[in-house]
């Protein structure tokens, strides 16, 4: 798998995220209150809202447009909403964040 170096974990806003342009498209890289990092396609399944601008709580991101909640471990919208986003692997080593450029299987 190809890994892309993203920099220090502190460069990802706590309880939020940022996006990265990759050959696979725009990917949201999100960090929660426990410094866990997640990566998903930067497009809400509802209306395409930019998930990198959403609020992160636990393992959920809230879309900034219509407050849809996306489970970051499964990539699925939480009930009563329906839909999913593509997920990508992330690893953190010595405070450095690495993004895998192959999608995680659903």
PDB file of N, CA and C in Angstrom:
ATOM      1  N   UNK A   1       0.842  -1.186   0.000  1.00  0.00           N
ATOM      2  CA  UNK A   1       0.000   0.000   0.000  1.00  0.00           C
ATOM      3  C   UNK A   1       0.878   1.236   0.000  1.00  0.00           C
ATOM      4  N   UNK A   2       0.418   2.246  -0.707  1.00  0.00           N
ATOM      5  CA  UNK A   2       1.121   3.528  -0.739  1.00  0.00           C
ATOM      6  C   UNK A   2       0.658   4.367   0.448  1.00  0.00           C
ATOM      7  N   UNK A   3       1.628   4.937   1.194  1.00  0.00           N
ATOM      8  CA  UNK A   3       1.327   5.775   2.355  1.00  0.00           C
ATOM      9  C   UNK A   3       1.797   7.192   2.090  1.00  0.00           C
ATOM     10  N   UNK A   4       0.965   8.150   2.473  1.00  0.00           N
ATOM     11  CA  UNK A   4       1.253   9.569   2.286  1.00  0.00           C
ATOM     12  C   UNK A   4       1.495  10.200   3.654  1.00  0.00           C
ATOM     13  N   UNK A   5       2.647  10.833   3.842  1.00  0.00           N
ATOM     14  CA  UNK A   5       2.967  11.514   5.102  1.00  0.00           C
ATOM     15  C   UNK A   5       2.173  12.810   5.181  1.00  0.00           C
ATOM     16  N   UNK A   6       1.454  13.005   6.308  1.00  0.00           N
ATOM     17  CA  UNK A   6       0.621  14.200   6.467  1.00  0.00           C
ATOM     18  C   UNK A   6       1.192  15.215   7.453  1.00  0.00           C
ATOM     19  N   UNK A   7       2.220  14.849   8.201  1.00  0.00           N
ATOM     20  CA  UNK A   7       2.787  15.759   9.185  1.00  0.00           C
ATOM     21  C   UNK A   7       2.420  15.365  10.596  1.00  0.00           C
ATOM     22  N   UNK A   8       2.638  16.273  11.517  1.00  0.00           N
ATOM     23  CA  UNK A   8       2.408  16.033  12.937  1.00  0.00           C
ATOM     24  C   UNK A   8       0.926  16.002  13.261  1.00  0.00           C
ATOM     25  N   UNK A   9       0.545  15.179  14.216  1.00  0.00           N
ATOM     26  CA  UNK A   9      -0.859  15.055  14.615  1.00  0.00           C
ATOM     27  C   UNK A   9      -1.430  16.393  15.076  1.00  0.00           C
ATOM     28  N   UNK A  10      -0.586  17.271  15.627  1.00  0.00           N
ATOM     29  CA  UNK A  10      -1.046  18.581  16.097  1.00  0.00           C
ATOM     30  C   UNK A  10      -1.526  19.466  14.946  1.00  0.00           C
ATOM     31  N   UNK A  11      -1.185  19.116  13.705  1.00  0.00           N
ATOM     32  CA  UNK A  11      -1.625  19.887  12.548  1.00  0.00           C
ATOM     33  C   UNK A  11      -3.064  19.568  12.146  1.00  0.00           C
ATOM     34  N   UNK A  12      -3.630  18.549  12.775  1.00  0.00           N
ATOM     35  CA  UNK A  12      -5.041  18.219  12.550  1.00  0.00           C
ATOM     36  C   UNK A  12      -5.812  18.791  13.732  1.00  0.00           C
ATOM     37  N   UNK A  13      -6.742  19.697  13.500  1.00  0.00           N
ATOM     38  CA  UNK A  13      -7.464  20.314  14.617  1.00  0.00           C
ATOM     39  C   UNK A  13      -8.164  19.269  15.495  1.00  0.00           C
ATOM     40  N   UNK A  14      -7.989  19.407  16.810  1.00  0.00           N
ATOM     41  CA  UNK A  14      -8.693  18.523  17.737  1.00  0.00           C
ATOM     42  C   UNK A  14     -10.192  18.755  17.598  1.00  0.00           C
ATOM     43  N   UNK A  15     -10.969  17.681  17.616  1.00  0.00           N
ATOM     44  CA  UNK A  15     -12.429  17.691  17.481  1.00  0.00           C
ATOM     45  C   UNK A  15     -12.868  18.191  16.106  1.00  0.00           C
ATOM     46  N   UNK A  16     -11.963  18.092  15.145  1.00  0.00           N
ATOM     47  CA  UNK A  16     -12.272  18.529  13.785  1.00  0.00           C
ATOM     48  C   UNK A  16     -11.340  17.852  12.810  1.00  0.00           C
ATOM     49  N   UNK A  17     -11.031  18.549  11.752  1.00  0.00           N
ATOM     50  CA  UNK A  17     -10.165  17.933  10.761  1.00  0.00           C
ATOM     51  C   UNK A  17      -9.692  18.904   9.716  1.00  0.00           C
ATOM     52  N   UNK A  18      -9.104  18.340   8.707  1.00  0.00           N
ATOM     53  CA  UNK A  18      -8.657  19.070   7.529  1.00  0.00           C
ATOM     54  C   UNK A  18      -8.760  18.102   6.362  1.00  0.00           C
ATOM     55  N   UNK A  19      -8.661  18.637   5.157  1.00  0.00           N
ATOM     56  CA  UNK A  19      -8.712  17.734   4.017  1.00  0.00           C
ATOM     57  C   UNK A  19      -7.371  17.700   3.314  1.00  0.00           C
ATOM     58  N   UNK A  20      -7.173  16.610   2.584  1.00  0.00           N
ATOM     59  CA  UNK A  20      -5.957  16.404   1.822  1.00  0.00           C
ATOM     60  C   UNK A  20      -6.362  16.044   0.396  1.00  0.00           C
ATOM     61  N   UNK A  21      -5.769  16.716  -0.579  1.00  0.00           N
ATOM     62  CA  UNK A  21      -5.984  16.351  -1.978  1.00  0.00           C
ATOM     63  C   UNK A  21      -5.032  15.210  -2.312  1.00  0.00           C
ATOM     64  N   UNK A  22      -5.577  14.115  -2.802  1.00  0.00           N
ATOM     65  CA  UNK A  22      -4.777  12.932  -3.128  1.00  0.00           C
ATOM     66  C   UNK A  22      -5.145  12.456  -4.533  1.00  0.00           C
ATOM     67  N   UNK A  23      -4.385  11.511  -5.074  1.00  0.00           N
ATOM     68  CA  UNK A  23      -4.774  10.923  -6.357  1.00  0.00           C
ATOM     69  C   UNK A  23      -6.140  10.214  -6.279  1.00  0.00           C
ATOM     70  N   UNK A  24      -6.588   9.874  -5.075  1.00  0.00           N
ATOM     71  CA  UNK A  24      -7.886   9.224  -4.875  1.00  0.00           C
ATOM     72  C   UNK A  24      -9.005  10.242  -4.655  1.00  0.00           C
ATOM     73  N   UNK A  25      -8.687  11.532  -4.736  1.00  0.00           N
ATOM     74  CA  UNK A  25      -9.665  12.580  -4.475  1.00  0.00           C
ATOM     75  C   UNK A  25      -9.431  13.228  -3.131  1.00  0.00           C
ATOM     76  N   UNK A  26     -10.358  14.051  -2.716  1.00  0.00           N
ATOM     77  CA  UNK A  26     -10.229  14.781  -1.458  1.00  0.00           C
ATOM     78  C   UNK A  26     -10.629  13.879  -0.284  1.00  0.00           C
ATOM     79  N   UNK A  27      -9.726  13.772   0.696  1.00  0.00           N
ATOM     80  CA  UNK A  27      -9.950  12.926   1.861  1.00  0.00           C
ATOM     81  C   UNK A  27      -9.922  13.793   3.113  1.00  0.00           C
ATOM     82  N   UNK A  28     -10.942  13.604   3.972  1.00  0.00           N
ATOM     83  CA  UNK A  28     -10.994  14.299   5.263  1.00  0.00           C
ATOM     84  C   UNK A  28     -10.197  13.486   6.274  1.00  0.00           C
ATOM     85  N   UNK A  29      -9.300  14.159   6.986  1.00  0.00           N
ATOM     86  CA  UNK A  29      -8.525  13.532   8.053  1.00  0.00           C
ATOM     87  C   UNK A  29      -8.993  14.190   9.344  1.00  0.00           C
ATOM     88  N   UNK A  30      -9.538  13.384  10.251  1.00  0.00           N
ATOM     89  CA  UNK A  30     -10.250  13.886  11.426  1.00  0.00           C
ATOM     90  C   UNK A  30      -9.624  13.361  12.713  1.00  0.00           C
ATOM     91  N   UNK A  31      -9.651  14.194  13.761  1.00  0.00           N
ATOM     92  CA  UNK A  31      -9.049  13.803  15.045  1.00  0.00           C
ATOM     93  C   UNK A  31     -10.045  14.042  16.170  1.00  0.00           C
ATOM     94  N   UNK A  32     -10.193  13.049  17.036  1.00  0.00           N
ATOM     95  CA  UNK A  32     -11.119  13.203  18.158  1.00  0.00           C
ATOM     96  C   UNK A  32     -10.395  13.621  19.433  1.00  0.00           C
ATOM     97  N   UNK A  33     -11.154  13.679  20.526  1.00  0.00           N
ATOM     98  CA  UNK A  33     -10.627  14.145  21.811  1.00  0.00           C
ATOM     99  C   UNK A  33      -9.585  13.206  22.409  1.00  0.00           C
ATOM    100  N   UNK A  34      -9.493  11.967  21.919  1.00  0.00           N
ATOM    101  CA  UNK A  34      -8.503  10.997  22.399  1.00  0.00           C
ATOM    102  C   UNK A  34      -7.320  10.876  21.452  1.00  0.00           C
ATOM    103  N   UNK A  35      -7.182  11.828  20.534  1.00  0.00           N
ATOM    104  CA  UNK A  35      -6.126  11.841  19.520  1.00  0.00           C
ATOM    105  C   UNK A  35      -6.180  10.630  18.595  1.00  0.00           C
ATOM    106  N   UNK A  36      -7.364  10.032  18.432  1.00  0.00           N
ATOM    107  CA  UNK A  36      -7.543   9.005  17.415  1.00  0.00           C
ATOM    108  C   UNK A  36      -7.770   9.730  16.101  1.00  0.00           C
ATOM    109  N   UNK A  37      -7.194   9.208  15.026  1.00  0.00           N
ATOM    110  CA  UNK A  37      -7.279   9.848  13.729  1.00  0.00           C
ATOM    111  C   UNK A  37      -8.003   8.917  12.756  1.00  0.00           C
ATOM    112  N   UNK A  38      -8.895   9.490  11.964  1.00  0.00           N
ATOM    113  CA  UNK A  38      -9.707   8.750  11.000  1.00  0.00           C
ATOM    114  C   UNK A  38      -9.603   9.449   9.651  1.00  0.00           C
ATOM    115  N   UNK A  39      -9.840   8.689   8.588  1.00  0.00           N
ATOM    116  CA  UNK A  39      -9.829   9.281   7.240  1.00  0.00           C
ATOM    117  C   UNK A  39     -11.004   8.735   6.446  1.00  0.00           C
ATOM    118  N   UNK A  40     -11.768   9.658   5.868  1.00  0.00           N
ATOM    119  CA  UNK A  40     -12.925   9.298   5.041  1.00  0.00           C
ATOM    120  C   UNK A  40     -12.973  10.237   3.841  1.00  0.00           C
ATOM    121  N   UNK A  41     -13.701   9.818   2.829  1.00  0.00           N
ATOM    122  CA  UNK A  41     -13.925  10.692   1.676  1.00  0.00           C
ATOM    123  C   UNK A  41     -14.540  11.993   2.197  1.00  0.00           C
ATOM    124  N   UNK A  42     -14.087  13.128   1.729  1.00  0.00           N
ATOM    125  CA  UNK A  42     -14.532  14.435   2.234  1.00  0.00           C
ATOM    126  C   UNK A  42     -15.848  14.851   1.584  1.00  0.00           C
ATOM    127  N   UNK A  43     -16.845  13.986   1.702  1.00  0.00           N
ATOM    128  CA  UNK A  43     -18.130  14.260   1.057  1.00  0.00           C
ATOM    129  C   UNK A  43     -19.227  13.507   1.792  1.00  0.00           C
ATOM    130  N   UNK A  44     -20.103  14.233   2.465  1.00  0.00           N
ATOM    131  CA  UNK A  44     -21.225  13.618   3.173  1.00  0.00           C
ATOM    132  C   UNK A  44     -22.143  12.928   2.155  1.00  0.00           C
ATOM    133  N   UNK A  45     -22.677  11.743   2.489  1.00  0.00           N
ATOM    134  CA  UNK A  45     -23.550  11.052   1.537  1.00  0.00           C
ATOM    135  C   UNK A  45     -24.887  11.751   1.321  1.00  0.00           C
ATOM    136  N   UNK A  46     -25.228  12.707   2.154  1.00  0.00           N
ATOM    137  CA  UNK A  46     -26.509  13.404   2.035  1.00  0.00           C
ATOM    138  C   UNK A  46     -26.492  14.419   0.895  1.00  0.00           C
ATOM    139  N   UNK A  47     -25.722  15.480   1.063  1.00  0.00           N
ATOM    140  CA  UNK A  47     -25.672  16.548   0.058  1.00  0.00           C
ATOM    141  C   UNK A  47     -24.236  16.945  -0.292  1.00  0.00           C
ATOM    142  N   UNK A  48     -23.292  16.081   0.026  1.00  0.00           N
ATOM    143  CA  UNK A  48     -21.906  16.360  -0.347  1.00  0.00           C
ATOM    144  C   UNK A  48     -21.193  17.347   0.542  1.00  0.00           C
ATOM    145  N   UNK A  49     -21.699  17.545   1.749  1.00  0.00           N
ATOM    146  CA  UNK A  49     -21.066  18.490   2.673  1.00  0.00           C
ATOM    147  C   UNK A  49     -19.625  18.111   2.968  1.00  0.00           C
ATOM    148  N   UNK A  50     -18.763  19.098   3.244  1.00  0.00           N
ATOM    149  CA  UNK A  50     -17.342  18.854   3.503  1.00  0.00           C
ATOM    150  C   UNK A  50     -17.116  18.334   4.932  1.00  0.00           C
ATOM    151  N   UNK A  51     -16.946  17.041   5.065  1.00  0.00           N
ATOM    152  CA  UNK A  51     -16.813  16.437   6.401  1.00  0.00           C
ATOM    153  C   UNK A  51     -15.595  16.953   7.158  1.00  0.00           C
ATOM    154  N   UNK A  52     -14.569  17.415   6.452  1.00  0.00           N
ATOM    155  CA  UNK A  52     -13.380  17.961   7.119  1.00  0.00           C
ATOM    156  C   UNK A  52     -13.722  19.211   7.926  1.00  0.00           C
ATOM    157  N   UNK A  53     -14.857  19.842   7.634  1.00  0.00           N
ATOM    158  CA  UNK A  53     -15.281  21.031   8.371  1.00  0.00           C
ATOM    159  C   UNK A  53     -16.269  20.695   9.479  1.00  0.00           C
ATOM    160  N   UNK A  54     -16.531  19.407   9.660  1.00  0.00           N
ATOM    161  CA  UNK A  54     -17.490  18.983  10.671  1.00  0.00           C
ATOM    162  C   UNK A  54     -16.883  18.902  12.063  1.00  0.00           C
ATOM    163  N   UNK A  55     -17.749  18.681  13.052  1.00  0.00           N
ATOM    164  CA  UNK A  55     -17.350  18.518  14.448  1.00  0.00           C
ATOM    165  C   UNK A  55     -17.186  17.037  14.724  1.00  0.00           C
ATOM    166  N   UNK A  56     -16.104  16.670  15.411  1.00  0.00           N
ATOM    167  CA  UNK A  56     -15.834  15.271  15.747  1.00  0.00           C
ATOM    168  C   UNK A  56     -16.051  15.066  17.235  1.00  0.00           C
ATOM    169  N   UNK A  57     -16.811  14.031  17.564  1.00  0.00           N
ATOM    170  CA  UNK A  57     -17.028  13.642  18.955  1.00  0.00           C
ATOM    171  C   UNK A  57     -16.961  12.122  19.020  1.00  0.00           C
ATOM    172  N   UNK A  58     -16.048  11.612  19.830  1.00  0.00           N
ATOM    173  CA  UNK A  58     -15.876  10.163  19.884  1.00  0.00           C
ATOM    174  C   UNK A  58     -15.453   9.655  18.520  1.00  0.00           C
ATOM    175  N   UNK A  59     -16.222   8.732  17.989  1.00  0.00           N
ATOM    176  CA  UNK A  59     -15.904   8.147  16.685  1.00  0.00           C
ATOM    177  C   UNK A  59     -16.964   8.541  15.658  1.00  0.00           C
ATOM    178  N   UNK A  60     -17.461   9.780  15.814  1.00  0.00           N
ATOM    179  CA  UNK A  60     -18.511  10.302  14.948  1.00  0.00           C
ATOM    180  C   UNK A  60     -18.126  11.686  14.449  1.00  0.00           C
ATOM    181  N   UNK A  61     -18.406  11.945  13.166  1.00  0.00           N
ATOM    182  CA  UNK A  61     -18.270  13.298  12.631  1.00  0.00           C
ATOM    183  C   UNK A  61     -19.669  13.788  12.284  1.00  0.00           C
ATOM    184  N   UNK A  62     -19.940  15.053  12.597  1.00  0.00           N
ATOM    185  CA  UNK A  62     -21.219  15.687  12.310  1.00  0.00           C
ATOM    186  C   UNK A  62     -21.031  16.575  11.083  1.00  0.00           C
ATOM    187  N   UNK A  63     -21.770  16.303  10.022  1.00  0.00           N
ATOM    188  CA  UNK A  63     -21.647  17.088   8.799  1.00  0.00           C
ATOM    189  C   UNK A  63     -22.028  18.545   9.086  1.00  0.00           C
ATOM    190  N   UNK A  64     -21.225  19.501   8.603  1.00  0.00           N
ATOM    191  CA  UNK A  64     -21.504  20.902   8.888  1.00  0.00           C
ATOM    192  C   UNK A  64     -22.741  21.454   8.161  1.00  0.00           C
ATOM    193  N   UNK A  65     -23.229  20.772   7.134  1.00  0.00           N
ATOM    194  CA  UNK A  65     -24.386  21.305   6.409  1.00  0.00           C
ATOM    195  C   UNK A  65     -25.716  20.980   7.075  1.00  0.00           C
ATOM    196  N   UNK A  66     -25.953  19.717   7.377  1.00  0.00           N
ATOM    197  CA  UNK A  66     -27.267  19.311   7.891  1.00  0.00           C
ATOM    198  C   UNK A  66     -27.167  18.413   9.119  1.00  0.00           C
ATOM    199  N   UNK A  67     -25.984  18.377   9.750  1.00  0.00           N
ATOM    200  CA  UNK A  67     -25.778  17.679  11.013  1.00  0.00           C
ATOM    201  C   UNK A  67     -25.941  16.167  10.917  1.00  0.00           C
ATOM    202  N   UNK A  68     -25.810  15.601   9.725  1.00  0.00           N
ATOM    203  CA  UNK A  68     -25.809  14.135   9.633  1.00  0.00           C
ATOM    204  C   UNK A  68     -24.630  13.616  10.436  1.00  0.00           C
ATOM    205  N   UNK A  69     -24.823  12.485  11.104  1.00  0.00           N
ATOM    206  CA  UNK A  69     -23.769  11.867  11.895  1.00  0.00           C
ATOM    207  C   UNK A  69     -23.223  10.662  11.141  1.00  0.00           C
ATOM    208  N   UNK A  70     -21.889  10.636  10.978  1.00  0.00           N
ATOM    209  CA  UNK A  70     -21.226   9.554  10.265  1.00  0.00           C
ATOM    210  C   UNK A  70     -20.326   8.812  11.249  1.00  0.00           C
ATOM    211  N   UNK A  71     -20.532   7.499  11.363  1.00  0.00           N
ATOM    212  CA  UNK A  71     -19.689   6.641  12.194  1.00  0.00           C
ATOM    213  C   UNK A  71     -18.345   6.493  11.484  1.00  0.00           C
ATOM    214  N   UNK A  72     -17.276   6.957  12.110  1.00  0.00           N
ATOM    215  CA  UNK A  72     -15.970   6.968  11.465  1.00  0.00           C
ATOM    216  C   UNK A  72     -15.319   5.599  11.391  1.00  0.00           C
ATOM    217  N   UNK A  73     -15.739   4.657  12.214  1.00  0.00           N
ATOM    218  CA  UNK A  73     -15.192   3.301  12.133  1.00  0.00           C
ATOM    219  C   UNK A  73     -15.864   2.473  11.043  1.00  0.00           C
ATOM    220  N   UNK A  74     -17.130   2.737  10.787  1.00  0.00           N
ATOM    221  CA  UNK A  74     -17.872   1.968   9.792  1.00  0.00           C
ATOM    222  C   UNK A  74     -18.066   2.726   8.487  1.00  0.00           C
ATOM    223  N   UNK A  75     -18.004   4.058   8.548  1.00  0.00           N
ATOM    224  CA  UNK A  75     -18.254   4.869   7.365  1.00  0.00           C
ATOM    225  C   UNK A  75     -19.736   5.018   7.056  1.00  0.00           C
ATOM    226  N   UNK A  76     -20.590   4.635   7.984  1.00  0.00           N
ATOM    227  CA  UNK A  76     -22.031   4.653   7.740  1.00  0.00           C
ATOM    228  C   UNK A  76     -22.710   5.819   8.452  1.00  0.00           C
ATOM    229  N   UNK A  77     -23.741   6.364   7.787  1.00  0.00           N
ATOM    230  CA  UNK A  77     -24.578   7.373   8.433  1.00  0.00           C
ATOM    231  C   UNK A  77     -25.355   6.693   9.552  1.00  0.00           C
ATOM    232  N   UNK A  78     -25.552   7.412  10.648  1.00  0.00           N
ATOM    233  CA  UNK A  78     -26.267   6.852  11.786  1.00  0.00           C
ATOM    234  C   UNK A  78     -27.769   7.089  11.623  1.00  0.00           C
ATOM    235  N   UNK A  79     -28.553   6.121  12.081  1.00  0.00           N
ATOM    236  CA  UNK A  79     -30.024   6.181  11.974  1.00  0.00           C
ATOM    237  C   UNK A  79     -30.535   7.473  12.592  1.00  0.00           C
ATOM    238  N   UNK A  80     -31.554   8.046  12.010  1.00  0.00           N
ATOM    239  CA  UNK A  80     -32.438   7.498  10.979  1.00  0.00           C
ATOM    240  C   UNK A  80     -31.926   7.718   9.556  1.00  0.00           C
ATOM    241  N   UNK A  81     -30.742   8.310   9.401  1.00  0.00           N
ATOM    242  CA  UNK A  81     -30.217   8.603   8.074  1.00  0.00           C
ATOM    243  C   UNK A  81     -29.588   7.359   7.452  1.00  0.00           C
ATOM    244  N   UNK A  82     -29.432   7.381   6.123  1.00  0.00           N
ATOM    245  CA  UNK A  82     -28.866   6.251   5.398  1.00  0.00           C
ATOM    246  C   UNK A  82     -27.799   6.746   4.432  1.00  0.00           C
ATOM    247  N   UNK A  83     -26.774   5.950   4.241  1.00  0.00           N
ATOM    248  CA  UNK A  83     -25.704   6.281   3.312  1.00  0.00           C
ATOM    249  C   UNK A  83     -24.371   5.919   3.926  1.00  0.00           C
ATOM    250  N   UNK A  84     -23.325   6.022   3.134  1.00  0.00           N
ATOM    251  CA  UNK A  84     -21.999   5.704   3.662  1.00  0.00           C
ATOM    252  C   UNK A  84     -20.931   6.516   2.933  1.00  0.00           C
ATOM    253  N   UNK A  85     -19.762   6.578   3.549  1.00  0.00           N
ATOM    254  CA  UNK A  85     -18.600   7.230   2.959  1.00  0.00           C
ATOM    255  C   UNK A  85     -17.466   6.219   2.903  1.00  0.00           C
ATOM    256  N   UNK A  86     -16.579   6.417   1.954  1.00  0.00           N
ATOM    257  CA  UNK A  86     -15.420   5.544   1.848  1.00  0.00           C
ATOM    258  C   UNK A  86     -14.435   5.886   2.955  1.00  0.00           C
ATOM    259  N   UNK A  87     -13.828   4.847   3.522  1.00  0.00           N
ATOM    260  CA  UNK A  87     -12.837   5.019   4.591  1.00  0.00           C
ATOM    261  C   UNK A  87     -11.449   4.676   4.066  1.00  0.00           C
ATOM    262  N   UNK A  88     -10.445   5.288   4.690  1.00  0.00           N
ATOM    263  CA  UNK A  88      -9.053   5.050   4.327  1.00  0.00           C
ATOM    264  C   UNK A  88      -8.248   4.771   5.590  1.00  0.00           C
ATOM    265  N   UNK A  89      -7.225   3.909   5.499  1.00  0.00           N
ATOM    266  CA  UNK A  89      -6.418   3.605   6.684  1.00  0.00           C
ATOM    267  C   UNK A  89      -5.542   4.781   7.098  1.00  0.00           C
ATOM    268  N   UNK A  90      -5.344   4.898   8.399  1.00  0.00           N
ATOM    269  CA  UNK A  90      -4.478   5.929   8.971  1.00  0.00           C
ATOM    270  C   UNK A  90      -3.629   5.270  10.044  1.00  0.00           C
ATOM    271  N   UNK A  91      -2.391   5.703  10.139  1.00  0.00           N
ATOM    272  CA  UNK A  91      -1.563   5.255  11.266  1.00  0.00           C
ATOM    273  C   UNK A  91      -0.810   6.460  11.809  1.00  0.00           C
ATOM    274  N   UNK A  92      -0.539   6.425  13.109  1.00  0.00           N
ATOM    275  CA  UNK A  92       0.210   7.495  13.771  1.00  0.00           C
ATOM    276  C   UNK A  92       1.425   6.851  14.411  1.00  0.00           C
ATOM    277  N   UNK A  93       2.603   7.331  14.030  1.00  0.00           N
ATOM    278  CA  UNK A  93       3.865   6.826  14.568  1.00  0.00           C
ATOM    279  C   UNK A  93       4.707   8.012  15.014  1.00  0.00           C
ATOM    280  N   UNK A  94       5.061   8.035  16.300  1.00  0.00           N
ATOM    281  CA  UNK A  94       5.866   9.137  16.840  1.00  0.00           C
ATOM    282  C   UNK A  94       5.266  10.499  16.495  1.00  0.00           C
ATOM    283  N   UNK A  95       3.948  10.613  16.674  1.00  0.00           N
ATOM    284  CA  UNK A  95       3.195  11.843  16.441  1.00  0.00           C
ATOM    285  C   UNK A  95       3.064  12.210  14.963  1.00  0.00           C
ATOM    286  N   UNK A  96       3.595  11.391  14.065  1.00  0.00           N
ATOM    287  CA  UNK A  96       3.488  11.634  12.623  1.00  0.00           C
ATOM    288  C   UNK A  96       2.314  10.839  12.067  1.00  0.00           C
ATOM    289  N   UNK A  97       1.489  11.474  11.245  1.00  0.00           N
ATOM    290  CA  UNK A  97       0.286  10.852  10.692  1.00  0.00           C
ATOM    291  C   UNK A  97       0.569  10.400   9.264  1.00  0.00           C
ATOM    292  N   UNK A  98       0.156   9.171   8.973  1.00  0.00           N
ATOM    293  CA  UNK A  98       0.313   8.576   7.646  1.00  0.00           C
ATOM    294  C   UNK A  98      -1.049   8.148   7.139  1.00  0.00           C
ATOM    295  N   UNK A  99      -1.336   8.464   5.888  1.00  0.00           N
ATOM    296  CA  UNK A  99      -2.603   8.140   5.256  1.00  0.00           C
ATOM    297  C   UNK A  99      -2.383   7.080   4.184  1.00  0.00           C
ATOM    298  N   UNK A 100      -3.105   5.965   4.298  1.00  0.00           N
ATOM    299  CA  UNK A 100      -3.051   4.921   3.285  1.00  0.00           C
ATOM    300  C   UNK A 100      -3.971   5.279   2.120  1.00  0.00           C
ATOM    301  N   UNK A 101      -3.508   5.067   0.905  1.00  0.00           N
ATOM    302  CA  UNK A 101      -4.271   5.494  -0.254  1.00  0.00           C
ATOM    303  C   UNK A 101      -5.125   4.393  -0.873  1.00  0.00           C
ATOM    304  N   UNK A 102      -5.364   3.318  -0.130  1.00  0.00           N
ATOM    305  CA  UNK A 102      -6.294   2.289  -0.584  1.00  0.00           C
ATOM    306  C   UNK A 102      -7.504   2.300   0.345  1.00  0.00           C
ATOM    307  N   UNK A 103      -8.681   2.253  -0.236  1.00  0.00           N
ATOM    308  CA  UNK A 103      -9.901   2.280   0.558  1.00  0.00           C
ATOM    309  C   UNK A 103      -9.996   1.039   1.432  1.00  0.00           C
ATOM    310  N   UNK A 104     -10.587   1.221   2.615  1.00  0.00           N
ATOM    311  CA  UNK A 104     -10.867   0.106   3.516  1.00  0.00           C
ATOM    312  C   UNK A 104     -12.148  -0.537   3.023  1.00  0.00           C
ATOM    313  N   UNK A 105     -12.163  -1.868   2.961  1.00  0.00           N
ATOM    314  CA  UNK A 105     -13.369  -2.568   2.520  1.00  0.00           C
ATOM    315  C   UNK A 105     -14.520  -2.309   3.486  1.00  0.00           C
ATOM    316  N   UNK A 106     -15.743  -2.182   2.952  1.00  0.00           N
ATOM    317  CA  UNK A 106     -16.902  -1.917   3.820  1.00  0.00           C
ATOM    318  C   UNK A 106     -17.179  -3.050   4.784  1.00  0.00           C
TER     319      UNK A 106
END
